[in-house]
Amino acid sequence: MKKDPDHTEKINLRSEERTKSRENASVEFILGNDKIAYHFKLRDFSSKGFGIMVRKDSKVLNHIKVGDVLDMKYHPEEATRNPLSHRTQIKHISDPEFGKQQDHRLIGLLILENS
């Protein structure tokens, strides 16, 4: 395993402990007046938030910023017929841990309320 040459001890700033999501859990959302729904696999979750990984070259990153609030549909299981709708805030857009999916960005999502 490679070490980060500029490695410094990182502090976990998350307010809650995170656990791995269910294997097929996902989230989808539409940006602006787009007719295309973006769909991403959930990576980890707490009682109020989730994380998704987005490729660094994804057009999604051109249309979102920290603090944005979007209506998102959560699929807790594989291909659910009745996804759960939640107003969701973009909490952070950051690089993943060193050595993991360096061609992606990690997006932290905070559920604000049910839609």
Protein backbone atom coordinates (compact mmCIF):
# COMPACT_ATOMS: atom_id res chain seq x y z
CA MET A 1 0.00 0.00 0.00
CA LYS A 2 1.33 3.44 -0.97
CA LYS A 3 1.60 6.10 1.66
CA ASP A 4 0.57 9.69 1.15
CA PRO A 5 3.86 11.63 0.85
CA ASP A 6 2.26 14.62 2.56
CA HIS A 7 0.50 12.41 5.11
CA THR A 8 -0.69 14.20 8.18
CA GLU A 9 -3.05 12.77 10.74
CA LYS A 10 -6.60 13.47 9.51
CA ILE A 11 -9.34 14.28 11.99
CA ASN A 12 -12.79 12.82 11.36
CA LEU A 13 -15.11 15.85 11.32
CA ARG A 14 -18.29 13.83 10.87
CA SER A 15 -20.89 14.43 13.54
CA GLU A 16 -22.00 10.79 13.57
CA GLU A 17 -20.42 7.42 13.01
CA ARG A 18 -20.83 6.15 9.44
CA THR A 19 -21.60 2.63 8.34
CA LYS A 20 -21.47 0.97 4.95
CA SER A 21 -24.69 1.22 2.92
CA ARG A 22 -26.73 -1.70 1.71
CA GLU A 23 -25.28 -3.23 -1.42
CA ASN A 24 -27.83 -1.85 -3.89
CA ALA A 25 -28.94 1.35 -2.15
CA SER A 26 -28.86 4.40 -4.42
CA VAL A 27 -29.96 7.99 -4.86
CA GLU A 28 -31.27 9.85 -7.90
CA PHE A 29 -31.85 13.52 -8.61
CA ILE A 30 -32.46 15.97 -11.45
CA LEU A 31 -30.46 19.19 -11.71
CA GLY A 32 -32.20 22.41 -12.73
CA ASN A 33 -34.37 22.07 -15.83
CA ASP A 34 -32.56 18.93 -16.94
CA LYS A 35 -34.72 16.01 -18.00
CA ILE A 36 -31.99 13.52 -17.14
CA ALA A 37 -32.00 11.90 -13.71
CA TYR A 38 -28.54 11.29 -12.27
CA HIS A 39 -28.32 8.04 -10.32
CA PHE A 40 -25.52 7.12 -7.90
CA LYS A 41 -24.83 4.21 -5.57
CA LEU A 42 -24.80 5.17 -1.88
CA ARG A 43 -21.44 4.62 -0.21
CA ASP A 44 -22.02 5.09 3.50
CA PHE A 45 -24.69 6.44 5.76
CA SER A 46 -25.61 7.75 9.17
CA SER A 47 -29.07 8.49 10.55
CA LYS A 48 -29.31 11.67 8.44
CA GLY A 49 -26.69 11.53 5.73
CA PHE A 50 -25.17 9.59 2.88
CA GLY A 51 -22.11 9.71 0.70
CA ILE A 52 -21.82 9.19 -3.05
CA MET A 53 -18.78 8.97 -5.33
CA VAL A 54 -18.78 10.98 -8.55
CA ARG A 55 -16.13 10.82 -11.27
CA LYS A 56 -14.01 14.00 -11.35
CA ASP A 57 -14.98 14.54 -15.00
CA SER A 58 -18.75 14.20 -14.34
CA LYS A 59 -20.93 17.09 -15.51
CA VAL A 60 -22.76 16.85 -12.17
CA LEU A 61 -19.82 18.59 -10.49
CA ASN A 62 -20.35 21.64 -12.75
CA HIS A 63 -23.89 22.06 -11.42
CA ILE A 64 -23.63 21.53 -7.67
CA LYS A 65 -21.81 23.25 -4.84
CA VAL A 66 -21.60 22.90 -1.08
CA GLY A 67 -24.77 24.27 0.53
CA ASP A 68 -27.07 23.49 -2.41
CA VAL A 69 -30.40 21.88 -1.46
CA LEU A 70 -31.91 19.38 -3.89
CA ASP A 71 -34.92 17.08 -3.93
CA MET A 72 -33.51 13.56 -4.06
CA LYS A 73 -35.10 10.14 -4.30
CA TYR A 74 -33.50 7.42 -2.19
CA HIS A 75 -33.75 3.77 -3.14
CA PRO A 76 -32.90 1.80 0.02
CA GLU A 77 -33.03 -1.48 -1.90
CA GLU A 78 -32.39 -2.62 -5.45
CA ALA A 79 -34.85 -1.06 -7.96
CA THR A 80 -37.52 -0.02 -5.47
CA ARG A 81 -40.88 1.02 -6.87
CA ASN A 82 -41.44 3.60 -4.15
CA PRO A 83 -38.27 5.56 -3.49
CA LEU A 84 -38.17 7.87 -0.47
CA SER A 85 -38.07 11.58 -1.36
CA HIS A 86 -36.00 13.92 0.80
CA ARG A 87 -34.79 17.51 0.58
CA THR A 88 -31.06 17.03 0.78
CA GLN A 89 -28.15 19.43 1.26
CA ILE A 90 -24.71 19.06 -0.28
CA LYS A 91 -22.48 19.12 2.84
CA HIS A 92 -19.07 18.62 1.26
CA ILE A 93 -17.33 17.80 -2.00
CA SER A 94 -13.93 16.34 -1.26
CA ASP A 95 -11.25 13.94 -2.39
CA PRO A 96 -11.61 10.35 -1.19
CA GLU A 97 -9.09 8.82 1.20
CA PHE A 98 -5.59 8.58 -0.24
CA GLY A 99 -5.25 5.55 -2.51
CA LYS A 100 -9.00 5.03 -2.99
CA GLN A 101 -10.70 5.99 -6.25
CA GLN A 102 -8.49 8.99 -6.93
CA ASP A 103 -10.40 9.72 -10.17
CA HIS A 104 -13.54 10.46 -8.12
CA ARG A 105 -14.89 13.06 -5.68
CA LEU A 106 -16.77 12.19 -2.51
CA ILE A 107 -20.01 14.11 -2.03
CA GLY A 108 -21.52 14.23 1.45
CA LEU A 109 -25.31 14.54 1.60
CA LEU A 110 -27.43 15.61 4.59
CA ILE A 111 -31.15 14.81 4.64
CA LEU A 112 -33.05 17.89 5.76
CA GLU A 113 -36.66 16.66 5.61
CA ASN A 114 -39.10 14.43 3.76
CA SER A 115 -40.49 15.99 0.59
